[in-house]
Amino acid sequence: MPNEKLSDSEAKAILLEWPGRTKIWPPPGGTGYWIRAQPKSGSKAGPTLSAPGASLFHTQPDGMWLHFRNSESCDAVIVEVCGTTQNLNDKRSRYIPASHSVVVRCPLAWLLEAMPTKAGGNAPRWKASNCFAEEPTCDVAVPVRHLRVLYALPDELYHKWCIEHVPTGQEFFCPHSSLGSFRGQKMQDFLKRMSISSQFYLEPEV
């Protein structure tokens, strides 16, 4: 039976079972892959989020998938696993659109580290993303263009909170017990709604 209240370590273990490279969120323009940045699966420190110009107080989400637009910007899907209402309120405050813009900082070592690709192969993350025109030579810090955040709440809190509150346009919610059902059709359909493409009636002509 799925756990209705996950510990931090249990939640991150589940998120590590989600794909490291995916198109579950249709990529903008139809090209490239979303690459898992958190929780980290290799030995190198993964990307973090911060306010523009900030050198301290970086945010490291529980889960983060990035789709790059070369070295110019990126889109981000965040997963935050919350244990209490206070924890949820704290995490929500980091992503409120009106507060500030967000920058993602990707260490060069992380971009160059090999990750699994299809057919049992491996490739450095920058290449596996199929989003970069050339190999990066330094850390990459780019603004986040499109942001979506999925908050996972203990089942009891989820059912109470969702009755009382209205999410912003970038927020999505699920109970802890559903976090491990990534490959289930219901969860797949839910996650696909987080894509930027779901906001447009027709695919743009390029």
N, C-alpha and C. Protein backbone atom coordinates (compact mmCIF):
# COMPACT_ATOMS: atom_id res chain seq x y z
N MET A 1 0.85 -1.20 0.00
CA MET A 1 0.00 0.00 0.00
C MET A 1 0.89 1.25 0.00
N PRO A 2 0.61 2.24 -0.85
CA PRO A 2 1.42 3.46 -0.89
C PRO A 2 1.42 4.18 0.45
N ASN A 3 2.58 4.76 0.78
CA ASN A 3 2.73 5.47 2.05
C ASN A 3 2.00 6.81 1.97
N GLU A 4 1.15 7.07 2.97
CA GLU A 4 0.37 8.31 2.97
C GLU A 4 1.11 9.48 3.59
N LYS A 5 2.29 9.23 4.20
CA LYS A 5 3.13 10.31 4.71
C LYS A 5 4.58 9.87 4.58
N LEU A 6 5.27 10.47 3.62
CA LEU A 6 6.64 10.09 3.29
C LEU A 6 7.65 10.90 4.08
N SER A 7 8.76 10.27 4.44
CA SER A 7 9.89 11.01 4.98
C SER A 7 10.64 11.65 3.82
N ASP A 8 11.56 12.56 4.12
CA ASP A 8 12.34 13.23 3.08
C ASP A 8 13.12 12.21 2.27
N SER A 9 13.75 11.25 2.94
CA SER A 9 14.56 10.26 2.23
C SER A 9 13.69 9.34 1.38
N GLU A 10 12.50 8.97 1.88
CA GLU A 10 11.60 8.12 1.11
C GLU A 10 11.12 8.84 -0.15
N ALA A 11 10.80 10.13 -0.01
CA ALA A 11 10.33 10.90 -1.15
C ALA A 11 11.40 11.02 -2.21
N LYS A 12 12.63 11.31 -1.81
CA LYS A 12 13.71 11.46 -2.78
C LYS A 12 14.05 10.14 -3.46
N ALA A 13 13.92 9.03 -2.72
CA ALA A 13 14.14 7.72 -3.33
C ALA A 13 13.10 7.46 -4.42
N ILE A 14 11.87 7.89 -4.19
CA ILE A 14 10.82 7.73 -5.21
C ILE A 14 11.12 8.62 -6.42
N LEU A 15 11.54 9.87 -6.18
CA LEU A 15 11.83 10.78 -7.29
C LEU A 15 13.01 10.30 -8.12
N LEU A 16 13.93 9.57 -7.51
CA LEU A 16 15.05 9.01 -8.26
C LEU A 16 14.58 7.90 -9.20
N GLU A 17 13.39 7.36 -8.97
CA GLU A 17 12.83 6.36 -9.86
C GLU A 17 12.13 7.00 -11.05
N TRP A 18 11.84 8.30 -10.97
CA TRP A 18 11.30 9.01 -12.13
C TRP A 18 12.43 9.13 -13.16
N PRO A 19 12.11 9.27 -14.44
CA PRO A 19 13.15 9.26 -15.47
C PRO A 19 14.17 10.39 -15.32
N GLY A 20 15.42 10.06 -15.64
CA GLY A 20 16.48 11.07 -15.65
C GLY A 20 16.45 11.90 -16.91
N ARG A 21 15.83 11.38 -17.95
CA ARG A 21 15.66 12.09 -19.22
C ARG A 21 14.28 11.74 -19.76
N THR A 22 13.45 12.75 -20.03
CA THR A 22 12.05 12.46 -20.34
C THR A 22 11.45 13.50 -21.26
N LYS A 23 10.35 13.10 -21.88
CA LYS A 23 9.50 14.02 -22.65
C LYS A 23 8.07 13.95 -22.12
N ILE A 24 7.91 13.57 -20.87
CA ILE A 24 6.57 13.51 -20.28
C ILE A 24 5.90 14.88 -20.37
N TRP A 25 6.71 15.95 -20.23
CA TRP A 25 6.22 17.30 -20.51
C TRP A 25 6.68 17.62 -21.92
N PRO A 26 5.75 17.71 -22.90
CA PRO A 26 6.17 17.94 -24.27
C PRO A 26 7.15 19.12 -24.37
N PRO A 27 8.35 18.89 -24.91
CA PRO A 27 9.37 19.95 -24.94
C PRO A 27 8.91 21.13 -25.79
N PRO A 28 9.18 22.35 -25.36
CA PRO A 28 8.86 23.53 -26.18
C PRO A 28 9.52 23.41 -27.55
N GLY A 29 8.74 23.59 -28.61
CA GLY A 29 9.27 23.44 -29.95
C GLY A 29 9.41 22.00 -30.40
N GLY A 30 9.11 21.05 -29.50
CA GLY A 30 9.15 19.65 -29.85
C GLY A 30 10.52 19.01 -29.85
N THR A 31 11.56 19.75 -29.51
CA THR A 31 12.91 19.19 -29.53
C THR A 31 13.52 19.16 -28.14
N GLY A 32 14.49 18.27 -27.97
CA GLY A 32 15.21 18.19 -26.70
C GLY A 32 14.48 17.37 -25.66
N TYR A 33 15.16 17.18 -24.53
CA TYR A 33 14.64 16.39 -23.42
C TYR A 33 14.69 17.20 -22.13
N TRP A 34 13.81 16.85 -21.21
CA TRP A 34 13.90 17.34 -19.84
C TRP A 34 14.90 16.46 -19.10
N ILE A 35 15.84 17.09 -18.40
CA ILE A 35 16.89 16.38 -17.67
C ILE A 35 16.68 16.56 -16.17
N ARG A 36 16.74 15.45 -15.41
CA ARG A 36 16.57 15.56 -13.96
C ARG A 36 17.80 16.22 -13.36
N ALA A 37 17.57 17.30 -12.61
CA ALA A 37 18.65 18.02 -11.94
C ALA A 37 18.68 17.71 -10.44
N GLN A 38 17.53 17.39 -9.87
CA GLN A 38 17.40 17.01 -8.46
C GLN A 38 16.31 15.96 -8.34
N PRO A 39 16.42 15.00 -7.42
CA PRO A 39 17.61 14.73 -6.62
C PRO A 39 18.74 14.21 -7.50
N LYS A 40 19.96 14.48 -7.12
CA LYS A 40 21.08 14.12 -7.98
C LYS A 40 21.25 12.60 -8.03
N SER A 41 21.67 12.13 -9.20
CA SER A 41 21.87 10.69 -9.38
C SER A 41 23.33 10.35 -9.59
N GLY A 42 24.20 11.35 -9.77
CA GLY A 42 25.62 11.10 -9.95
C GLY A 42 26.41 11.60 -8.75
N SER A 43 27.70 11.81 -8.96
CA SER A 43 28.56 12.24 -7.87
C SER A 43 28.74 13.76 -7.82
N LYS A 44 28.32 14.45 -8.86
CA LYS A 44 28.52 15.90 -8.94
C LYS A 44 27.33 16.65 -8.36
N ALA A 45 27.62 17.79 -7.74
CA ALA A 45 26.56 18.63 -7.19
C ALA A 45 25.65 19.11 -8.32
N GLY A 46 24.34 19.06 -8.08
CA GLY A 46 23.38 19.43 -9.11
C GLY A 46 23.02 20.90 -9.09
N PRO A 47 22.21 21.34 -10.05
CA PRO A 47 21.80 22.73 -10.15
C PRO A 47 20.99 23.21 -8.95
N THR A 48 21.01 24.51 -8.74
CA THR A 48 20.22 25.15 -7.70
C THR A 48 19.49 26.35 -8.30
N LEU A 49 18.52 26.88 -7.55
CA LEU A 49 17.78 28.07 -7.96
C LEU A 49 18.14 29.23 -7.05
N SER A 50 18.11 30.43 -7.60
CA SER A 50 18.37 31.61 -6.79
C SER A 50 17.74 32.83 -7.44
N ALA A 51 17.71 33.94 -6.70
CA ALA A 51 17.30 35.21 -7.28
C ALA A 51 18.43 35.75 -8.14
N PRO A 52 18.14 36.52 -9.17
CA PRO A 52 19.21 37.08 -10.01
C PRO A 52 20.21 37.87 -9.19
N GLY A 53 21.49 37.60 -9.41
CA GLY A 53 22.55 38.33 -8.71
C GLY A 53 22.88 37.79 -7.34
N ALA A 54 22.11 36.84 -6.82
CA ALA A 54 22.34 36.32 -5.48
C ALA A 54 23.49 35.33 -5.48
N SER A 55 24.36 35.45 -4.48
CA SER A 55 25.47 34.50 -4.34
C SER A 55 25.26 33.58 -3.13
N LEU A 56 24.25 33.88 -2.32
CA LEU A 56 23.93 33.07 -1.16
C LEU A 56 22.46 32.67 -1.21
N PHE A 57 22.06 31.79 -0.31
CA PHE A 57 20.66 31.41 -0.12
C PHE A 57 20.06 30.80 -1.39
N HIS A 58 20.79 29.87 -1.98
CA HIS A 58 20.26 29.14 -3.13
C HIS A 58 19.23 28.12 -2.66
N THR A 59 18.27 27.82 -3.52
CA THR A 59 17.25 26.83 -3.23
C THR A 59 17.55 25.54 -4.00
N GLN A 60 17.51 24.42 -3.30
CA GLN A 60 17.69 23.12 -3.94
C GLN A 60 16.40 22.34 -3.76
N PRO A 61 15.55 22.32 -4.78
CA PRO A 61 14.26 21.63 -4.66
C PRO A 61 14.44 20.13 -4.43
N ASP A 62 13.40 19.49 -3.93
CA ASP A 62 13.43 18.04 -3.76
C ASP A 62 13.56 17.36 -5.12
N GLY A 63 12.83 17.87 -6.09
CA GLY A 63 12.91 17.35 -7.46
C GLY A 63 12.94 18.50 -8.43
N MET A 64 13.71 18.37 -9.51
CA MET A 64 13.77 19.43 -10.53
C MET A 64 14.18 18.82 -11.87
N TRP A 65 13.39 19.14 -12.88
CA TRP A 65 13.69 18.75 -14.26
C TRP A 65 13.83 20.01 -15.09
N LEU A 66 14.85 20.06 -15.95
CA LEU A 66 15.15 21.26 -16.72
C LEU A 66 15.13 20.97 -18.21
N HIS A 67 14.61 21.92 -18.96
CA HIS A 67 14.69 21.88 -20.43
C HIS A 67 15.38 23.18 -20.85
N PHE A 68 16.55 23.06 -21.45
CA PHE A 68 17.37 24.23 -21.78
C PHE A 68 17.05 24.78 -23.16
N ARG A 69 17.19 26.07 -23.27
CA ARG A 69 17.18 26.75 -24.57
C ARG A 69 18.61 27.23 -24.82
N ASN A 70 19.45 26.22 -25.17
CA ASN A 70 20.90 26.43 -25.30
C ASN A 70 21.41 27.01 -23.98
N SER A 71 22.22 28.05 -24.02
CA SER A 71 22.75 28.68 -22.80
C SER A 71 22.07 30.01 -22.53
N GLU A 72 20.85 30.16 -23.03
CA GLU A 72 20.15 31.44 -22.93
C GLU A 72 19.08 31.45 -21.83
N SER A 73 18.36 30.36 -21.67
CA SER A 73 17.31 30.27 -20.66
C SER A 73 16.94 28.80 -20.51
N CYS A 74 16.04 28.52 -19.59
CA CYS A 74 15.56 27.15 -19.44
C CYS A 74 14.14 27.18 -18.90
N ASP A 75 13.46 26.06 -19.02
CA ASP A 75 12.16 25.85 -18.40
C ASP A 75 12.37 24.86 -17.27
N ALA A 76 11.58 24.97 -16.22
CA ALA A 76 11.79 24.13 -15.04
C ALA A 76 10.48 23.56 -14.52
N VAL A 77 10.52 22.29 -14.19
CA VAL A 77 9.44 21.63 -13.46
C VAL A 77 10.01 21.23 -12.10
N ILE A 78 9.39 21.74 -11.05
CA ILE A 78 9.86 21.53 -9.68
C ILE A 78 8.91 20.60 -8.95
N VAL A 79 9.47 19.73 -8.11
CA VAL A 79 8.65 18.91 -7.20
C VAL A 79 9.12 19.19 -5.78
N GLU A 80 8.22 19.65 -4.93
CA GLU A 80 8.54 19.90 -3.53
C GLU A 80 7.66 19.00 -2.67
N VAL A 81 8.30 18.19 -1.84
CA VAL A 81 7.58 17.28 -0.95
C VAL A 81 7.48 17.93 0.42
N CYS A 82 6.26 18.20 0.86
CA CYS A 82 6.04 18.95 2.09
C CYS A 82 5.45 18.03 3.17
N GLY A 83 5.87 18.25 4.42
CA GLY A 83 5.39 17.42 5.50
C GLY A 83 4.36 18.08 6.39
N THR A 84 4.34 19.43 6.40
CA THR A 84 3.44 20.18 7.26
C THR A 84 2.93 21.41 6.51
N THR A 85 1.92 22.06 7.05
CA THR A 85 1.40 23.28 6.45
C THR A 85 2.47 24.37 6.45
N GLN A 86 3.22 24.50 7.54
CA GLN A 86 4.28 25.51 7.61
C GLN A 86 5.35 25.25 6.55
N ASN A 87 5.70 23.99 6.37
CA ASN A 87 6.68 23.61 5.35
C ASN A 87 6.16 23.96 3.95
N LEU A 88 4.89 23.70 3.70
CA LEU A 88 4.28 24.06 2.42
C LEU A 88 4.31 25.56 2.20
N ASN A 89 3.92 26.34 3.20
CA ASN A 89 3.91 27.79 3.06
C ASN A 89 5.31 28.34 2.79
N ASP A 90 6.31 27.78 3.45
CA ASP A 90 7.69 28.21 3.24
C ASP A 90 8.12 27.93 1.80
N LYS A 91 7.82 26.74 1.32
CA LYS A 91 8.24 26.38 -0.04
C LYS A 91 7.46 27.15 -1.09
N ARG A 92 6.19 27.39 -0.86
CA ARG A 92 5.40 28.16 -1.82
C ARG A 92 5.95 29.57 -1.98
N SER A 93 6.45 30.15 -0.88
CA SER A 93 6.95 31.52 -0.93
C SER A 93 8.16 31.68 -1.85
N ARG A 94 8.86 30.58 -2.12
CA ARG A 94 10.05 30.64 -2.98
C ARG A 94 9.70 30.80 -4.45
N TYR A 95 8.46 30.46 -4.81
CA TYR A 95 8.11 30.41 -6.23
C TYR A 95 6.96 31.33 -6.61
N ILE A 96 6.52 32.19 -5.70
CA ILE A 96 5.42 33.10 -6.02
C ILE A 96 5.85 34.02 -7.15
N PRO A 97 5.10 34.06 -8.26
CA PRO A 97 5.53 34.81 -9.44
C PRO A 97 5.79 36.29 -9.19
N ALA A 98 5.01 36.89 -8.29
CA ALA A 98 5.12 38.33 -8.09
C ALA A 98 6.35 38.73 -7.28
N SER A 99 7.02 37.78 -6.63
CA SER A 99 8.10 38.14 -5.72
C SER A 99 9.40 38.46 -6.44
N HIS A 100 9.83 37.61 -7.36
CA HIS A 100 11.08 37.86 -8.08
C HIS A 100 11.22 36.85 -9.21
N SER A 101 12.13 37.13 -10.13
CA SER A 101 12.45 36.14 -11.15
C SER A 101 13.41 35.12 -10.57
N VAL A 102 13.65 34.04 -11.30
CA VAL A 102 14.45 32.93 -10.79
C VAL A 102 15.54 32.58 -11.79
N VAL A 103 16.71 32.27 -11.28
CA VAL A 103 17.84 31.85 -12.10
C VAL A 103 18.23 30.44 -11.67
N VAL A 104 18.53 29.57 -12.65
CA VAL A 104 19.04 28.24 -12.34
C VAL A 104 20.54 28.23 -12.62
N ARG A 105 21.30 27.69 -11.67
CA ARG A 105 22.75 27.65 -11.78
C ARG A 105 23.19 26.19 -11.90
N CYS A 106 23.85 25.87 -13.03
CA CYS A 106 24.26 24.50 -13.33
C CYS A 106 25.78 24.41 -13.33
N PRO A 107 26.36 23.67 -12.39
CA PRO A 107 27.81 23.49 -12.39
C PRO A 107 28.28 22.80 -13.66
N LEU A 108 29.43 23.25 -14.17
CA LEU A 108 29.99 22.63 -15.38
C LEU A 108 30.20 21.14 -15.18
N ALA A 109 30.70 20.74 -14.00
CA ALA A 109 30.96 19.33 -13.74
C ALA A 109 29.69 18.50 -13.87
N TRP A 110 28.55 19.06 -13.46
CA TRP A 110 27.27 18.36 -13.58
C TRP A 110 26.87 18.24 -15.05
N LEU A 111 27.06 19.29 -15.82
CA LEU A 111 26.71 19.26 -17.24
C LEU A 111 27.56 18.27 -18.02
N LEU A 112 28.81 18.10 -17.60
CA LEU A 112 29.73 17.20 -18.31
C LEU A 112 29.63 15.75 -17.83
N GLU A 113 29.00 15.53 -16.67
CA GLU A 113 28.89 14.18 -16.12
C GLU A 113 27.99 13.31 -16.99
N ALA A 114 28.41 12.06 -17.23
CA ALA A 114 27.64 11.15 -18.07
C ALA A 114 26.38 10.68 -17.37
N MET A 115 25.32 10.50 -18.14
CA MET A 115 24.05 9.98 -17.64
C MET A 115 23.53 8.95 -18.63
N PRO A 116 22.68 8.03 -18.16
CA PRO A 116 22.14 7.01 -19.07
C PRO A 116 21.23 7.64 -20.12
N THR A 117 21.32 7.13 -21.34
CA THR A 117 20.40 7.49 -22.41
C THR A 117 19.73 6.22 -22.91
N LYS A 118 19.03 6.29 -24.00
CA LYS A 118 18.31 5.11 -24.48
C LYS A 118 19.27 4.05 -25.02
N ALA A 119 18.79 2.85 -25.10
CA ALA A 119 19.54 1.70 -25.63
C ALA A 119 20.79 1.40 -24.82
N GLY A 120 20.76 1.72 -23.52
CA GLY A 120 21.89 1.39 -22.65
C GLY A 120 23.11 2.25 -22.83
N GLY A 121 23.00 3.34 -23.58
CA GLY A 121 24.14 4.22 -23.80
C GLY A 121 24.30 5.24 -22.70
N ASN A 122 25.36 6.04 -22.80
CA ASN A 122 25.63 7.13 -21.88
C ASN A 122 26.09 8.35 -22.66
N ALA A 123 25.82 9.51 -22.13
CA ALA A 123 26.25 10.76 -22.76
C ALA A 123 26.32 11.83 -21.68
N PRO A 124 27.19 12.82 -21.83
CA PRO A 124 27.20 13.93 -20.87
C PRO A 124 25.83 14.63 -20.88
N ARG A 125 25.45 15.17 -19.75
CA ARG A 125 24.10 15.71 -19.62
C ARG A 125 23.80 16.79 -20.67
N TRP A 126 24.77 17.65 -20.95
CA TRP A 126 24.51 18.72 -21.91
C TRP A 126 24.15 18.14 -23.27
N LYS A 127 24.79 17.03 -23.62
CA LYS A 127 24.53 16.39 -24.91
C LYS A 127 23.26 15.56 -24.86
N ALA A 128 23.02 14.88 -23.73
CA ALA A 128 21.82 14.06 -23.59
C ALA A 128 20.55 14.90 -23.65
N SER A 129 20.64 16.16 -23.26
CA SER A 129 19.48 17.04 -23.30
C SER A 129 19.07 17.39 -24.73
N ASN A 130 20.02 17.30 -25.66
CA ASN A 130 19.79 17.66 -27.06
C ASN A 130 19.29 19.10 -27.18
N CYS A 131 19.80 19.97 -26.30
CA CYS A 131 19.36 21.36 -26.27
C CYS A 131 20.51 22.36 -26.48
N PHE A 132 21.74 21.89 -26.37
CA PHE A 132 22.88 22.78 -26.49
C PHE A 132 23.50 22.68 -27.88
N ALA A 133 23.87 23.83 -28.45
CA ALA A 133 24.52 23.84 -29.76
C ALA A 133 25.96 23.38 -29.67
N GLU A 134 26.60 23.61 -28.53
CA GLU A 134 27.99 23.20 -28.36
C GLU A 134 28.26 22.90 -26.89
N GLU A 135 29.36 22.23 -26.63
CA GLU A 135 29.72 21.83 -25.27
C GLU A 135 30.00 23.04 -24.40
N PRO A 136 29.37 23.15 -23.23
CA PRO A 136 29.67 24.27 -22.32
C PRO A 136 31.12 24.19 -21.82
N THR A 137 31.69 25.35 -21.55
CA THR A 137 33.07 25.41 -21.05
C THR A 137 33.15 26.03 -19.66
N CYS A 138 32.01 26.41 -19.10
CA CYS A 138 31.97 26.98 -17.76
C CYS A 138 30.59 26.72 -17.16
N ASP A 139 30.44 27.06 -15.88
CA ASP A 139 29.12 26.93 -15.25
C ASP A 139 28.09 27.70 -16.06
N VAL A 140 26.88 27.19 -16.09
CA VAL A 140 25.80 27.84 -16.83
C VAL A 140 24.78 28.40 -15.84
N ALA A 141 24.53 29.69 -15.91
CA ALA A 141 23.51 30.35 -15.08
C ALA A 141 22.55 31.05 -16.02
N VAL A 142 21.31 30.59 -16.05
CA VAL A 142 20.33 31.13 -17.00
C VAL A 142 19.01 31.42 -16.30
N PRO A 143 18.25 32.38 -16.81
CA PRO A 143 16.94 32.65 -16.22
C PRO A 143 15.95 31.54 -16.54
N VAL A 144 15.03 31.32 -15.61
CA VAL A 144 13.97 30.34 -15.81
C VAL A 144 12.82 31.05 -16.52
N ARG A 145 12.49 30.56 -17.70
CA ARG A 145 11.47 31.19 -18.54
C ARG A 145 10.07 30.71 -18.16
N HIS A 146 9.92 29.42 -17.98
CA HIS A 146 8.62 28.81 -17.68
C HIS A 146 8.80 27.91 -16.46
N LEU A 147 7.97 28.12 -15.44
CA LEU A 147 8.12 27.39 -14.18
C LEU A 147 6.80 26.76 -13.79
N ARG A 148 6.86 25.48 -13.41
CA ARG A 148 5.71 24.79 -12.83
C ARG A 148 6.20 24.07 -11.58
N VAL A 149 5.37 24.08 -10.53
CA VAL A 149 5.74 23.46 -9.26
C VAL A 149 4.67 22.48 -8.82
N LEU A 150 5.10 21.25 -8.53
CA LEU A 150 4.21 20.22 -8.00
C LEU A 150 4.52 20.05 -6.52
N TYR A 151 3.52 20.29 -5.67
CA TYR A 151 3.67 20.11 -4.23
C TYR A 151 3.02 18.78 -3.83
N ALA A 152 3.79 17.93 -3.20
CA ALA A 152 3.27 16.66 -2.70
C ALA A 152 3.03 16.80 -1.20
N LEU A 153 1.80 16.53 -0.76
CA LEU A 153 1.41 16.72 0.64
C LEU A 153 1.01 15.38 1.25
N PRO A 154 1.24 15.21 2.57
CA PRO A 154 0.69 14.03 3.25
C PRO A 154 -0.79 13.92 2.94
N ASP A 155 -1.29 12.71 2.76
CA ASP A 155 -2.66 12.53 2.29
C ASP A 155 -3.69 13.28 3.14
N GLU A 156 -3.55 13.21 4.45
CA GLU A 156 -4.52 13.87 5.32
C GLU A 156 -4.50 15.38 5.11
N LEU A 157 -3.29 15.97 5.02
CA LEU A 157 -3.16 17.41 4.80
C LEU A 157 -3.66 17.79 3.41
N TYR A 158 -3.37 16.96 2.42
CA TYR A 158 -3.80 17.23 1.04
C TYR A 158 -5.31 17.43 0.97
N HIS A 159 -6.06 16.53 1.55
CA HIS A 159 -7.52 16.61 1.44
C HIS A 159 -8.08 17.81 2.20
N LYS A 160 -7.43 18.22 3.28
CA LYS A 160 -7.88 19.40 4.02
C LYS A 160 -7.49 20.68 3.29
N TRP A 161 -6.24 20.74 2.81
CA TRP A 161 -5.72 21.98 2.21
C TRP A 161 -6.42 22.31 0.90
N CYS A 162 -6.65 21.30 0.07
CA CYS A 162 -7.21 21.55 -1.26
C CYS A 162 -8.64 22.06 -1.21
N ILE A 163 -9.37 21.75 -0.14
CA ILE A 163 -10.73 22.25 0.00
C ILE A 163 -10.73 23.76 0.29
N GLU A 164 -9.69 24.22 0.99
CA GLU A 164 -9.67 25.59 1.50
C GLU A 164 -8.92 26.59 0.63
N HIS A 165 -8.13 26.13 -0.34
CA HIS A 165 -7.24 27.04 -1.06
C HIS A 165 -7.38 26.91 -2.57
N VAL A 166 -6.99 27.99 -3.27
CA VAL A 166 -6.99 28.01 -4.73
C VAL A 166 -5.55 28.18 -5.21
N PRO A 167 -5.00 27.23 -5.96
CA PRO A 167 -3.62 27.34 -6.42
C PRO A 167 -3.45 28.48 -7.43
N THR A 168 -2.21 28.98 -7.54
CA THR A 168 -1.89 29.90 -8.62
C THR A 168 -1.74 29.10 -9.92
N GLY A 169 -1.58 29.79 -11.02
CA GLY A 169 -1.51 29.13 -12.32
C GLY A 169 -0.32 28.22 -12.50
N GLN A 170 0.71 28.39 -11.69
CA GLN A 170 1.91 27.56 -11.85
C GLN A 170 1.97 26.41 -10.85
N GLU A 171 0.95 26.29 -9.99
CA GLU A 171 0.99 25.30 -8.91
C GLU A 171 0.12 24.09 -9.19
N PHE A 172 0.64 22.92 -8.80
CA PHE A 172 -0.07 21.66 -8.91
C PHE A 172 0.12 20.90 -7.59
N PHE A 173 -0.84 20.05 -7.25
CA PHE A 173 -0.79 19.36 -5.95
C PHE A 173 -1.14 17.89 -6.12
N CYS A 174 -0.48 17.05 -5.32
CA CYS A 174 -0.82 15.63 -5.27
C CYS A 174 -0.56 15.12 -3.87
N PRO A 175 -1.22 14.02 -3.47
CA PRO A 175 -0.95 13.42 -2.17
C PRO A 175 0.33 12.59 -2.21
N HIS A 176 0.96 12.42 -1.05
CA HIS A 176 2.17 11.60 -0.95
C HIS A 176 1.97 10.22 -1.57
N SER A 177 0.79 9.63 -1.35
CA SER A 177 0.57 8.25 -1.78
C SER A 177 0.58 8.08 -3.29
N SER A 178 0.44 9.18 -4.04
CA SER A 178 0.42 9.07 -5.50
C SER A 178 1.79 9.35 -6.13
N LEU A 179 2.75 9.78 -5.32
CA LEU A 179 4.05 10.20 -5.87
C LEU A 179 4.77 9.04 -6.56
N GLY A 180 4.56 7.84 -6.09
CA GLY A 180 5.23 6.69 -6.66
C GLY A 180 4.55 6.10 -7.88
N SER A 181 3.47 6.73 -8.35
CA SER A 181 2.70 6.16 -9.47
C SER A 181 3.05 6.84 -10.79
N PHE A 182 4.31 7.24 -10.96
CA PHE A 182 4.71 7.99 -12.15
C PHE A 182 4.28 7.30 -13.44
N ARG A 183 4.40 5.99 -13.51
CA ARG A 183 4.11 5.27 -14.75
C ARG A 183 2.63 4.94 -14.92
N GLY A 184 1.82 5.27 -13.94
CA GLY A 184 0.38 5.04 -14.07
C GLY A 184 -0.23 6.06 -15.02
N GLN A 185 -1.25 5.65 -15.77
CA GLN A 185 -1.85 6.52 -16.77
C GLN A 185 -2.44 7.78 -16.14
N LYS A 186 -3.08 7.64 -14.98
CA LYS A 186 -3.69 8.80 -14.33
C LYS A 186 -2.63 9.84 -13.96
N MET A 187 -1.50 9.39 -13.41
CA MET A 187 -0.43 10.31 -13.04
C MET A 187 0.22 10.91 -14.28
N GLN A 188 0.40 10.12 -15.31
CA GLN A 188 0.99 10.62 -16.56
C GLN A 188 0.11 11.73 -17.14
N ASP A 189 -1.18 11.51 -17.17
CA ASP A 189 -2.09 12.53 -17.70
C ASP A 189 -2.03 13.80 -16.87
N PHE A 190 -1.95 13.64 -15.55
CA PHE A 190 -1.86 14.79 -14.65
C PHE A 190 -0.57 15.58 -14.89
N LEU A 191 0.56 14.88 -15.00
CA LEU A 191 1.84 15.55 -15.19
C LEU A 191 1.91 16.28 -16.53
N LYS A 192 1.31 15.70 -17.55
CA LYS A 192 1.35 16.34 -18.88
C LYS A 192 0.64 17.69 -18.87
N ARG A 193 -0.29 17.87 -17.94
CA ARG A 193 -0.98 19.16 -17.86
C ARG A 193 -0.07 20.27 -17.36
N MET A 194 1.10 19.90 -16.82
CA MET A 194 2.05 20.90 -16.34
C MET A 194 2.87 21.50 -17.48
N SER A 195 2.76 20.94 -18.68
CA SER A 195 3.55 21.42 -19.81
C SER A 195 3.07 22.77 -20.30
N ILE A 196 3.99 23.59 -20.79
CA ILE A 196 3.63 24.88 -21.37
C ILE A 196 2.72 24.69 -22.58
N SER A 197 2.86 23.56 -23.28
CA SER A 197 2.06 23.32 -24.48
C SER A 197 0.58 23.18 -24.15
N SER A 198 0.25 22.82 -22.89
CA SER A 198 -1.15 22.64 -22.51
C SER A 198 -1.88 23.98 -22.44
N GLN A 199 -1.15 25.09 -22.51
CA GLN A 199 -1.76 26.41 -22.41
C GLN A 199 -2.10 27.00 -23.77
N PHE A 200 -1.75 26.28 -24.83
CA PHE A 200 -2.00 26.79 -26.17
C PHE A 200 -2.98 25.88 -26.92
N TYR A 201 -3.90 26.49 -27.63
CA TYR A 201 -4.91 25.74 -28.37
C TYR A 201 -4.29 24.93 -29.50
N LEU A 202 -3.37 25.53 -30.25
CA LEU A 202 -2.67 24.86 -31.34
C LEU A 202 -1.17 24.93 -31.10
N GLU A 203 -0.44 23.93 -31.61
CA GLU A 203 1.02 24.00 -31.57
C GLU A 203 1.47 25.13 -32.48
N PRO A 204 2.37 26.02 -32.01
CA PRO A 204 2.81 27.12 -32.87
C PRO A 204 3.60 26.62 -34.08
N GLU A 205 3.46 27.31 -35.19
CA GLU A 205 4.21 26.98 -36.39
C GLU A 205 5.61 27.57 -36.29
N VAL A 206 6.64 26.75 -36.53
CA VAL A 206 8.01 27.24 -36.45
C VAL A 206 8.71 27.02 -37.78
